[in-house]
């Protein structure tokens, strides 16, 4: 039996045990004794549910100990710091089926409870050279340390539990694709206009019979449309993971037994992907170089863009045009940046009539270029005030497509412009038939000058 510490008691027999400001018997360290690894997982799950493990992680030591009877148990040793911390740890330890002790070196005495609000002291020290001597009202036992457990390694070995509701909320996602599915997934995301980054990861060979490393594609997606989730979660060879903590993500439909956000043991420079169905976690020590999926989209060209040469009226020749493997499809998006129009030769008479109704500011700021394909008219603030010809919107500096249409595949405008050669000093107009016509920038003159 242990002695209860009385109010204003000053002398204690347990080595390293003292009294804090509240008069509670407290050592420099706290110790939790748990009967098994299962109870250790339960303790970590309960502790991280209410707070972060980071406050004790720096001093935390988890060990498997063995008693004189050969029974193996688990201890958690950490800096006590205050009775407030140990009060919380003791409550969680009791709930997890363990015991809480306090001490400094090898001797640890039962921490306070409702029967002894100021704690306990030992009537006599056990004569032993064991690594640990624990004193409890129900028992006194010595232990030898068998091995140390790493918290990070333990979390990696824990298998996530099935939870169909886990990870259904919107947010960023990680996707992992086997090497054969990676290029197809890149094209799928690019064609669907989904913003994503992709990198290529390597793992050691899975067996001694394999010479080459295992390659998988890693995708970082800020948001995935709901319509794509069933395909990405049901296709063999694809993994769909939900970030749950810096440097850690869990497969959708599963939940890790421990709140990983409260366990800062994973490096933010790397990534650990916890997979369900009994599969090992995928660990990436350092994230690979990531690139936008739009950079991998293919745009095939048949020839260089044609240049519409400015020729005297009556001596005009139709310049050659470039046929791209692109398609223009109607878009339901509202019109934006409609700043140009293509006026065919048969519409020139209409332009002359409309010009009489234009104001001086419009005539001054609008610029026009005459080519064999017709006239190209631009206005920096919008061309809607000159209702002649086919309207074009500027999707990239110097690149125009018809208003109300989108180019497919839905590559980034900058990628499309570079694929077309990014001609300097030219404005490119892509017609509905996919032909691109280049107009030299120096061919554009003020509309008021061209009309007189």
Protein backbone atom coordinates (compact mmCIF):
# COMPACT_ATOMS: atom_id res chain seq x y z
CA UNK A 1 0.00 0.00 0.00
CA UNK A 2 1.14 3.54 -0.77
CA UNK A 3 1.05 6.49 1.57
CA UNK A 4 -1.20 9.41 0.70
CA UNK A 5 0.55 12.77 0.56
CA UNK A 6 -0.95 15.12 3.15
CA UNK A 7 -1.54 18.85 2.93
CA UNK A 8 1.67 20.83 3.60
CA UNK A 9 3.76 17.64 3.69
CA UNK A 10 7.35 18.46 2.78
CA UNK A 11 9.32 15.20 3.03
CA UNK A 12 8.84 12.45 0.43
CA UNK A 13 10.60 9.07 0.22
CA UNK A 14 10.38 8.52 -3.55
CA UNK A 15 13.66 9.68 -5.20
CA UNK A 16 13.18 12.73 -7.41
CA UNK A 17 9.62 13.38 -6.22
CA UNK A 18 8.69 16.89 -5.09
CA UNK A 19 5.70 19.15 -4.59
CA UNK A 20 4.50 21.65 -7.17
CA UNK A 21 2.85 25.00 -6.43
CA UNK A 22 -0.47 23.25 -5.74
CA UNK A 23 1.10 20.85 -3.25
CA UNK A 24 0.74 17.87 -5.63
CA UNK A 25 3.46 15.21 -5.58
CA UNK A 26 5.15 15.50 -8.97
CA UNK A 27 8.37 14.28 -10.52
CA UNK A 28 10.23 15.57 -13.55
CA UNK A 29 8.65 12.88 -15.74
CA UNK A 30 5.34 11.18 -16.27
CA UNK A 31 4.92 7.52 -17.18
CA UNK A 32 1.94 5.62 -18.59
CA UNK A 33 1.85 1.82 -18.31
CA UNK A 34 -0.33 0.02 -20.86
CA UNK A 35 -0.93 -3.74 -21.10
CA UNK A 36 -0.50 -4.11 -24.89
CA UNK A 37 0.12 -2.44 -28.25
CA UNK A 38 -3.65 -2.32 -28.81
CA UNK A 39 -4.06 -0.23 -25.67
CA UNK A 40 -1.21 2.01 -26.86
CA UNK A 41 -3.08 2.69 -30.10
CA UNK A 42 -6.24 3.38 -28.11
CA UNK A 43 -4.33 5.82 -25.88
CA UNK A 44 -2.91 7.69 -28.89
CA UNK A 45 -6.33 7.81 -30.55
CA UNK A 46 -7.95 9.22 -27.40
CA UNK A 47 -5.15 11.70 -26.73
CA UNK A 48 -5.07 13.10 -30.28
CA UNK A 49 -8.85 13.39 -30.34
CA UNK A 50 -8.68 16.08 -27.65
CA UNK A 51 -5.32 17.72 -28.34
CA UNK A 52 -2.02 17.57 -30.16
CA UNK A 53 0.67 15.03 -29.42
CA UNK A 54 3.21 17.72 -30.25
CA UNK A 55 3.29 19.05 -26.66
CA UNK A 56 4.87 15.81 -25.38
CA UNK A 57 6.37 14.44 -28.59
CA UNK A 58 9.82 15.99 -28.12
CA UNK A 59 10.37 14.17 -24.81
CA UNK A 60 8.21 11.10 -25.56
CA UNK A 61 9.86 7.66 -25.34
CA UNK A 62 7.76 4.56 -26.05
CA UNK A 63 9.23 1.24 -24.93
CA UNK A 64 8.22 -2.40 -24.61
CA UNK A 65 9.15 -3.58 -21.10
CA UNK A 66 9.22 -7.03 -19.52
CA UNK A 67 8.42 -7.85 -15.90
CA UNK A 68 10.13 -10.51 -13.80
CA UNK A 69 7.25 -12.83 -14.64
CA UNK A 70 7.93 -12.43 -18.36
CA UNK A 71 4.83 -10.35 -19.11
CA UNK A 72 5.37 -7.71 -21.78
CA UNK A 73 3.79 -4.29 -21.42
CA UNK A 74 4.21 -0.85 -22.98
CA UNK A 75 5.39 2.35 -21.29
CA UNK A 76 5.23 5.96 -22.43
CA UNK A 77 7.78 8.23 -20.74
CA UNK A 78 7.59 12.01 -21.17
CA UNK A 79 8.33 15.31 -19.43
CA UNK A 80 5.67 16.03 -16.80
CA UNK A 81 6.11 19.83 -16.68
CA UNK A 82 2.95 20.42 -14.63
CA UNK A 83 0.18 18.63 -12.76
CA UNK A 84 -2.32 20.02 -15.28
CA UNK A 85 -0.70 18.01 -18.06
CA UNK A 86 -0.50 14.85 -15.97
CA UNK A 87 -4.14 15.21 -14.88
CA UNK A 88 -5.22 15.02 -18.51
CA UNK A 89 -2.82 12.16 -19.31
CA UNK A 90 -4.01 10.21 -16.25
CA UNK A 91 -7.67 10.51 -17.29
CA UNK A 92 -6.90 9.24 -20.81
CA UNK A 93 -4.68 6.44 -19.44
CA UNK A 94 -7.49 5.18 -17.19
CA UNK A 95 -9.91 5.27 -20.13
CA UNK A 96 -7.44 3.27 -22.26
CA UNK A 97 -6.97 0.65 -19.53
CA UNK A 98 -3.60 1.86 -18.27
CA UNK A 99 -1.98 3.47 -15.23
CA UNK A 100 -0.26 6.82 -14.77
CA UNK A 101 2.88 7.31 -12.68
CA UNK A 102 5.26 10.15 -11.89
CA UNK A 103 8.93 10.19 -10.95
CA UNK A 104 12.33 11.28 -12.17
CA UNK A 105 14.75 8.42 -12.74
CA UNK A 106 14.03 4.72 -12.17
CA UNK A 107 11.40 4.94 -9.46
CA UNK A 108 7.87 6.00 -10.38
CA UNK A 109 4.93 6.23 -8.02
CA UNK A 110 1.21 6.25 -8.81
CA UNK A 111 -0.04 9.69 -9.79
CA UNK A 112 -2.81 11.32 -7.81
CA UNK A 113 -6.46 10.28 -8.11
CA UNK A 114 -9.72 11.01 -6.30
CA UNK A 115 -8.60 8.97 -3.25
CA UNK A 116 -5.37 10.98 -2.88
CA UNK A 117 -5.80 14.47 -4.36
CA UNK A 118 -2.20 15.40 -3.49
CA UNK A 119 -0.67 12.18 -4.77
CA UNK A 120 1.13 9.18 -3.31
CA UNK A 121 4.47 8.35 -1.76
CA UNK A 122 6.15 4.99 -1.18
CA UNK A 123 6.63 3.64 2.34
CA UNK A 124 9.79 1.83 1.25
CA UNK A 125 11.96 1.71 -1.89
CA UNK A 126 12.32 -1.69 -3.57
CA UNK A 127 15.96 -2.87 -3.55
CA UNK A 128 16.50 -3.54 -7.26
CA UNK A 129 18.79 -2.65 -10.15
CA UNK A 130 15.97 -2.91 -12.70
CA UNK A 131 15.52 -0.19 -15.31
CA UNK A 132 12.07 0.68 -13.94
CA UNK A 133 10.41 0.31 -10.55
CA UNK A 134 6.70 1.14 -10.49
CA UNK A 135 4.71 1.60 -7.29
CA UNK A 136 0.91 1.36 -7.34
CA UNK A 137 -1.75 0.81 -4.71
CA UNK A 138 -2.60 -2.51 -6.40
CA UNK A 139 0.95 -3.69 -7.17
CA UNK A 140 4.66 -2.90 -7.10
CA UNK A 141 6.70 -4.25 -9.99
CA UNK A 142 10.11 -3.92 -11.63
CA UNK A 143 10.67 -3.97 -15.39
CA UNK A 144 13.51 -4.30 -17.87
CA UNK A 145 13.44 -2.50 -21.20
CA UNK A 146 13.16 -4.91 -24.12
CA UNK A 147 13.01 -2.53 -27.09
CA UNK A 148 12.03 0.98 -28.08
CA UNK A 149 9.06 1.77 -30.34
CA UNK A 150 9.19 4.63 -32.82
CA UNK A 151 5.89 6.54 -32.94
CA UNK A 152 6.24 7.33 -36.64
CA UNK A 153 6.96 3.70 -37.52
CA UNK A 154 3.97 2.61 -35.44
CA UNK A 155 1.64 5.03 -37.25
CA UNK A 156 2.91 3.74 -40.61
CA UNK A 157 2.06 0.17 -39.65
CA UNK A 158 -1.48 0.94 -38.50
CA UNK A 159 -4.08 -0.05 -41.08
CA UNK A 160 -6.81 2.54 -41.80
CA UNK A 161 -10.35 1.55 -40.83
CA UNK A 162 -13.17 1.39 -43.36
CA UNK A 163 -15.32 4.54 -43.14
CA UNK A 164 -17.51 5.20 -46.22
CA UNK A 165 -18.14 8.81 -45.14
CA UNK A 166 -14.46 9.72 -44.75
CA UNK A 167 -13.01 12.16 -47.27
CA UNK A 168 -16.28 13.10 -48.99
CA UNK A 169 -15.99 16.81 -48.21
CA UNK A 170 -14.57 19.04 -51.00
CA UNK A 171 -10.93 20.04 -50.96
CA UNK A 172 -7.50 19.23 -52.42
CA UNK A 173 -6.68 15.64 -53.30
CA UNK A 174 -3.70 13.43 -54.14
CA UNK A 175 -3.98 10.88 -56.96
CA UNK A 176 -1.57 8.01 -57.58
CA UNK A 177 -1.56 6.19 -60.90
CA UNK A 178 0.42 3.16 -61.97
CA UNK A 179 2.93 3.83 -64.72
CA UNK A 180 0.62 2.49 -67.44
CA UNK A 181 -2.30 4.72 -66.43
CA UNK A 182 -0.38 7.93 -65.81
CA UNK A 183 -0.35 9.32 -69.39
CA UNK A 184 -4.05 8.52 -69.86
CA UNK A 185 -4.94 10.30 -66.61
CA UNK A 186 -2.90 13.33 -67.70
CA UNK A 187 -4.89 13.55 -70.94
CA UNK A 188 -8.17 13.02 -69.07
CA UNK A 189 -7.52 15.85 -66.61
CA UNK A 190 -6.26 18.16 -69.36
CA UNK A 191 -9.24 17.43 -71.62
CA UNK A 192 -11.62 18.05 -68.69
CA UNK A 193 -9.98 21.42 -67.87
CA UNK A 194 -9.12 20.28 -64.33
CA UNK A 195 -6.19 22.11 -62.77
CA UNK A 196 -3.59 19.62 -61.55
CA UNK A 197 0.13 19.08 -61.12
CA UNK A 198 1.89 15.82 -61.88
CA UNK A 199 5.20 14.27 -60.88
CA UNK A 200 6.89 10.89 -61.29
CA UNK A 201 7.88 8.93 -58.15
CA UNK A 202 10.20 5.95 -57.78
CA UNK A 203 10.15 3.14 -55.23
CA UNK A 204 12.62 0.25 -54.82
CA UNK A 205 11.80 -2.99 -56.68
CA UNK A 206 9.08 -5.00 -54.98
CA UNK A 207 11.07 -8.25 -55.19
CA UNK A 208 14.58 -9.47 -55.89
CA UNK A 209 13.42 -10.63 -59.33
CA UNK A 210 12.76 -7.04 -60.44
CA UNK A 211 15.65 -4.94 -61.69
CA UNK A 212 13.91 -1.65 -62.40
CA UNK A 213 12.36 0.61 -59.75
CA UNK A 214 8.59 0.87 -59.41
CA UNK A 215 7.29 4.02 -61.12
CA UNK A 216 4.03 5.74 -60.27
CA UNK A 217 2.54 9.09 -61.27
CA UNK A 218 1.62 11.46 -58.43
CA UNK A 219 -1.05 14.12 -59.04
CA UNK A 220 -1.84 17.10 -56.82
CA UNK A 221 -5.36 18.35 -57.61
CA UNK A 222 -6.80 21.45 -55.86
CA UNK A 223 -10.39 20.36 -56.53
CA UNK A 224 -11.94 17.39 -58.34
CA UNK A 225 -15.43 17.66 -59.90
CA UNK A 226 -17.99 15.34 -58.32
CA UNK A 227 -18.71 13.70 -61.67
CA UNK A 228 -15.11 12.39 -61.84
CA UNK A 229 -14.95 10.88 -58.33
CA UNK A 230 -16.67 7.51 -59.14
CA UNK A 231 -14.29 6.85 -62.03
CA UNK A 232 -11.16 7.81 -60.08
CA UNK A 233 -12.12 5.73 -57.04
CA UNK A 234 -13.20 2.57 -58.88
CA UNK A 235 -10.53 2.21 -61.59
CA UNK A 236 -7.89 -0.43 -60.73
CA UNK A 237 -4.42 1.08 -60.64
CA UNK A 238 -5.63 4.49 -59.43
CA UNK A 239 -5.42 5.70 -55.83
CA UNK A 240 -7.51 8.58 -54.49
CA UNK A 241 -6.19 10.13 -51.26
CA UNK A 242 -7.45 12.88 -48.96
CA UNK A 243 -4.88 15.06 -47.12
CA UNK A 244 -5.39 14.71 -43.35
CA UNK A 245 -2.18 16.33 -42.06
CA UNK A 246 0.94 18.03 -43.41
CA UNK A 247 2.85 15.27 -45.19
CA UNK A 248 0.12 12.62 -44.81
CA UNK A 249 -2.99 11.53 -46.74
CA UNK A 250 -5.45 8.65 -46.34
CA UNK A 251 -7.31 6.78 -49.07
CA UNK A 252 -10.89 7.94 -49.54
CA UNK A 253 -13.41 5.78 -47.70
CA UNK A 254 -10.93 4.97 -44.92
CA UNK A 255 -9.97 6.60 -41.62
CA UNK A 256 -6.69 6.27 -39.74
CA UNK A 257 -7.11 5.08 -36.12
CA UNK A 258 -5.10 8.07 -34.86
CA UNK A 259 -5.75 11.72 -35.66
CA UNK A 260 -2.67 12.32 -37.82
CA UNK A 261 -3.13 16.09 -37.79
CA UNK A 262 -2.37 15.98 -34.06
CA UNK A 263 0.79 13.88 -34.64
CA UNK A 264 3.46 16.10 -36.24
CA UNK A 265 5.81 13.23 -37.09
CA UNK A 266 5.70 13.44 -40.90
CA UNK A 267 7.91 15.79 -42.92
CA UNK A 268 6.12 18.42 -44.99
CA UNK A 269 8.81 17.97 -47.67
CA UNK A 270 7.61 14.41 -48.27
CA UNK A 271 4.33 12.53 -48.32
CA UNK A 272 2.93 9.35 -46.77
CA UNK A 273 -0.10 7.80 -48.48
CA UNK A 274 -2.06 5.42 -46.23
CA UNK A 275 -3.86 2.79 -48.28
CA UNK A 276 -6.75 0.61 -47.16
CA UNK A 277 -7.55 -3.08 -47.72
CA UNK A 278 -4.40 -4.28 -45.95
CA UNK A 279 -1.93 -2.66 -48.34
CA UNK A 280 1.25 -1.00 -47.10
CA UNK A 281 1.51 2.76 -46.93
CA UNK A 282 3.34 4.47 -49.79
CA UNK A 283 6.10 6.68 -48.42
CA UNK A 284 7.68 9.45 -50.49
CA UNK A 285 10.74 10.86 -48.72
CA UNK A 286 10.78 13.99 -50.89
CA UNK A 287 8.11 15.19 -53.28
CA UNK A 288 9.23 14.97 -56.93
CA UNK A 289 9.35 17.86 -59.35
CA UNK A 290 5.75 18.74 -60.23
CA UNK A 291 4.48 20.25 -63.48
CA UNK A 292 1.11 21.45 -64.73
CA UNK A 293 -0.77 18.77 -66.67
CA UNK A 294 -1.59 21.33 -69.38
CA UNK A 295 2.10 21.35 -70.32
CA UNK A 296 1.75 17.72 -71.46
CA UNK A 297 -1.17 18.32 -73.83
CA UNK A 298 -0.39 17.68 -77.51
CA UNK A 299 -1.14 20.19 -80.24
CA UNK A 300 -0.14 18.97 -83.72
CA UNK A 301 0.69 21.46 -86.46
CA UNK A 302 0.80 20.80 -90.19
CA UNK A 303 2.77 23.89 -91.21
CA UNK A 304 3.87 27.31 -90.04
CA UNK A 305 1.18 30.00 -89.50
CA UNK A 306 0.39 31.96 -92.63
CA UNK A 307 1.12 35.68 -92.68
CA UNK A 308 -1.44 37.97 -94.29
CA UNK A 309 0.64 40.39 -96.32
CA UNK A 310 -0.66 43.90 -96.85
CA UNK A 311 -0.97 44.41 -100.61
CA UNK A 312 -2.41 47.22 -102.72
CA UNK A 313 -6.13 46.93 -103.47
CA UNK A 314 -6.74 44.99 -106.66
CA UNK A 315 -3.48 43.07 -106.35
CA UNK A 316 -4.46 41.02 -103.34
CA UNK A 317 -3.54 37.38 -103.11
CA UNK A 318 -4.95 34.95 -100.62
CA UNK A 319 -2.09 33.99 -98.25
CA UNK A 320 -1.57 30.37 -97.31
CA UNK A 321 -3.11 29.36 -93.99
CA UNK A 322 -2.18 26.86 -91.31
CA UNK A 323 -4.52 23.97 -90.56
CA UNK A 324 -4.31 22.85 -86.91
CA UNK A 325 -5.58 19.65 -85.38
CA UNK A 326 -7.87 21.77 -83.23
CA UNK A 327 -11.62 22.07 -83.04
CA UNK A 328 -13.75 25.00 -81.99
CA UNK A 329 -16.91 24.09 -80.12
CA UNK A 330 -19.71 26.39 -78.91
CA UNK A 331 -19.31 27.55 -75.32
CA UNK A 332 -21.99 28.43 -72.77
CA UNK A 333 -19.66 30.75 -70.90
CA UNK A 334 -20.42 34.51 -71.02
CA UNK A 335 -18.42 36.56 -73.50
CA UNK A 336 -15.26 38.18 -72.15
CA UNK A 337 -12.47 40.28 -73.68
CA UNK A 338 -14.24 40.58 -77.05
CA UNK A 339 -11.82 43.09 -78.55
CA UNK A 340 -11.54 42.18 -82.25
CA UNK A 341 -13.61 41.35 -85.32
CA UNK A 342 -12.96 39.83 -88.72
CA UNK A 343 -14.76 41.71 -91.50
CA UNK A 344 -15.00 39.65 -94.71
CA UNK A 345 -14.64 41.43 -98.08
CA UNK A 346 -18.40 41.22 -98.71
CA UNK A 347 -19.01 43.10 -95.45
CA UNK A 348 -16.78 46.07 -96.22
CA UNK A 349 -19.71 48.10 -97.59
CA UNK A 350 -21.54 47.62 -94.28
CA UNK A 351 -18.48 48.89 -92.40
CA UNK A 352 -18.55 52.08 -94.47
CA UNK A 353 -22.19 52.71 -93.49
CA UNK A 354 -21.56 51.98 -89.80
CA UNK A 355 -18.51 54.26 -89.73
CA UNK A 356 -20.77 57.33 -90.18
CA UNK A 357 -22.44 56.56 -86.84
CA UNK A 358 -19.27 56.00 -84.81
CA UNK A 359 -18.10 58.58 -82.29
CA UNK A 360 -14.71 60.30 -82.41
CA UNK A 361 -13.31 58.34 -79.45
CA UNK A 362 -14.18 55.00 -81.08
CA UNK A 363 -12.67 56.07 -84.41
CA UNK A 364 -9.50 57.20 -82.69
CA UNK A 365 -8.92 54.11 -80.53
CA UNK A 366 -10.00 51.42 -83.01
CA UNK A 367 -7.28 50.03 -85.28
CA UNK A 368 -7.77 48.14 -88.53
CA UNK A 369 -5.61 46.07 -90.88
CA UNK A 370 -6.62 45.30 -94.49
CA UNK A 371 -5.61 41.91 -95.89
CA UNK A 372 -6.65 39.67 -98.74
CA UNK A 373 -8.82 37.71 -96.28
CA UNK A 374 -10.67 40.85 -95.27
CA UNK A 375 -10.22 43.51 -92.61
CA UNK A 376 -9.27 42.82 -89.00
CA UNK A 377 -10.55 45.40 -86.53
CA UNK A 378 -9.41 45.76 -82.91
CA UNK A 379 -10.51 47.97 -80.03
CA UNK A 380 -8.79 47.72 -76.61
CA UNK A 381 -11.95 48.17 -74.51
CA UNK A 382 -14.38 46.09 -76.58
CA UNK A 383 -15.51 45.76 -80.16
CA UNK A 384 -19.26 45.44 -79.45
CA UNK A 385 -19.76 49.12 -80.31
CA UNK A 386 -18.88 48.38 -83.96
CA UNK A 387 -21.45 45.69 -84.95
CA UNK A 388 -19.76 44.51 -88.14
CA UNK A 389 -18.11 41.17 -88.92
CA UNK A 390 -17.42 38.16 -86.73
CA UNK A 391 -16.44 38.96 -83.17
CA UNK A 392 -13.25 37.51 -81.68
CA UNK A 393 -12.02 37.35 -78.09
CA UNK A 394 -8.40 37.59 -77.05
CA UNK A 395 -7.43 34.46 -75.08
CA UNK A 396 -3.72 35.31 -75.02
CA UNK A 397 -1.78 38.42 -76.06
CA UNK A 398 -1.79 38.21 -79.85
CA UNK A 399 -4.09 35.14 -80.06
CA UNK A 400 -7.81 35.44 -80.94
CA UNK A 401 -10.61 32.87 -81.30
CA UNK A 402 -14.28 33.48 -82.22
CA UNK A 403 -16.45 34.78 -79.40
CA UNK A 404 -18.76 32.11 -78.00
CA UNK A 405 -16.37 29.28 -78.87
CA UNK A 406 -13.71 27.29 -77.01
CA UNK A 407 -10.73 25.45 -78.43
CA UNK A 408 -10.48 21.71 -77.77
CA UNK A 409 -8.45 20.02 -76.47
CA UNK A 410 -8.77 22.56 -73.65
CA UNK A 411 -5.07 23.38 -73.37
CA UNK A 412 -3.91 26.57 -71.71
CA UNK A 413 -3.87 29.55 -74.12
CA UNK A 414 -0.16 30.04 -73.49
CA UNK A 415 0.55 26.43 -74.45
CA UNK A 416 -1.48 26.81 -77.65
CA UNK A 417 0.29 30.04 -78.54
CA UNK A 418 3.73 28.47 -78.02
CA UNK A 419 2.73 25.39 -80.02
CA UNK A 420 1.86 27.64 -82.95
CA UNK A 421 5.35 29.04 -82.93
CA UNK A 422 4.59 32.19 -80.89
CA UNK A 423 5.28 34.39 -83.93
CA UNK A 424 6.73 37.73 -82.92
CA UNK A 425 5.07 40.86 -84.25
CA UNK A 426 1.93 39.07 -85.44
CA UNK A 427 -1.66 38.70 -84.27
CA UNK A 428 -3.11 35.22 -84.86
CA UNK A 429 -6.81 34.76 -85.65
CA UNK A 430 -8.20 31.19 -85.55
CA UNK A 431 -11.39 30.80 -87.56
CA UNK A 432 -14.26 28.45 -86.85
CA UNK A 433 -12.85 26.01 -89.38
CA UNK A 434 -9.60 25.76 -87.40
CA UNK A 435 -7.50 27.79 -89.85
CA UNK A 436 -5.10 30.30 -88.31
CA UNK A 437 -4.28 33.57 -90.07
CA UNK A 438 -1.46 35.83 -88.95
CA UNK A 439 -1.69 39.59 -89.33
CA UNK A 440 1.45 41.73 -88.82
CA UNK A 441 1.09 44.14 -85.94
CA UNK A 442 2.51 47.00 -87.99
CA UNK A 443 -0.35 46.55 -90.49
CA UNK A 444 -2.86 47.92 -87.96
CA UNK A 445 -3.57 51.64 -88.40
CA UNK A 446 -6.12 53.92 -86.67
CA UNK A 447 -9.60 53.47 -88.10
CA UNK A 448 -10.06 57.21 -88.57
CA UNK A 449 -6.95 57.26 -90.78
CA UNK A 450 -8.03 54.26 -92.85
CA UNK A 451 -11.50 55.65 -93.60
CA UNK A 452 -10.31 58.86 -95.28
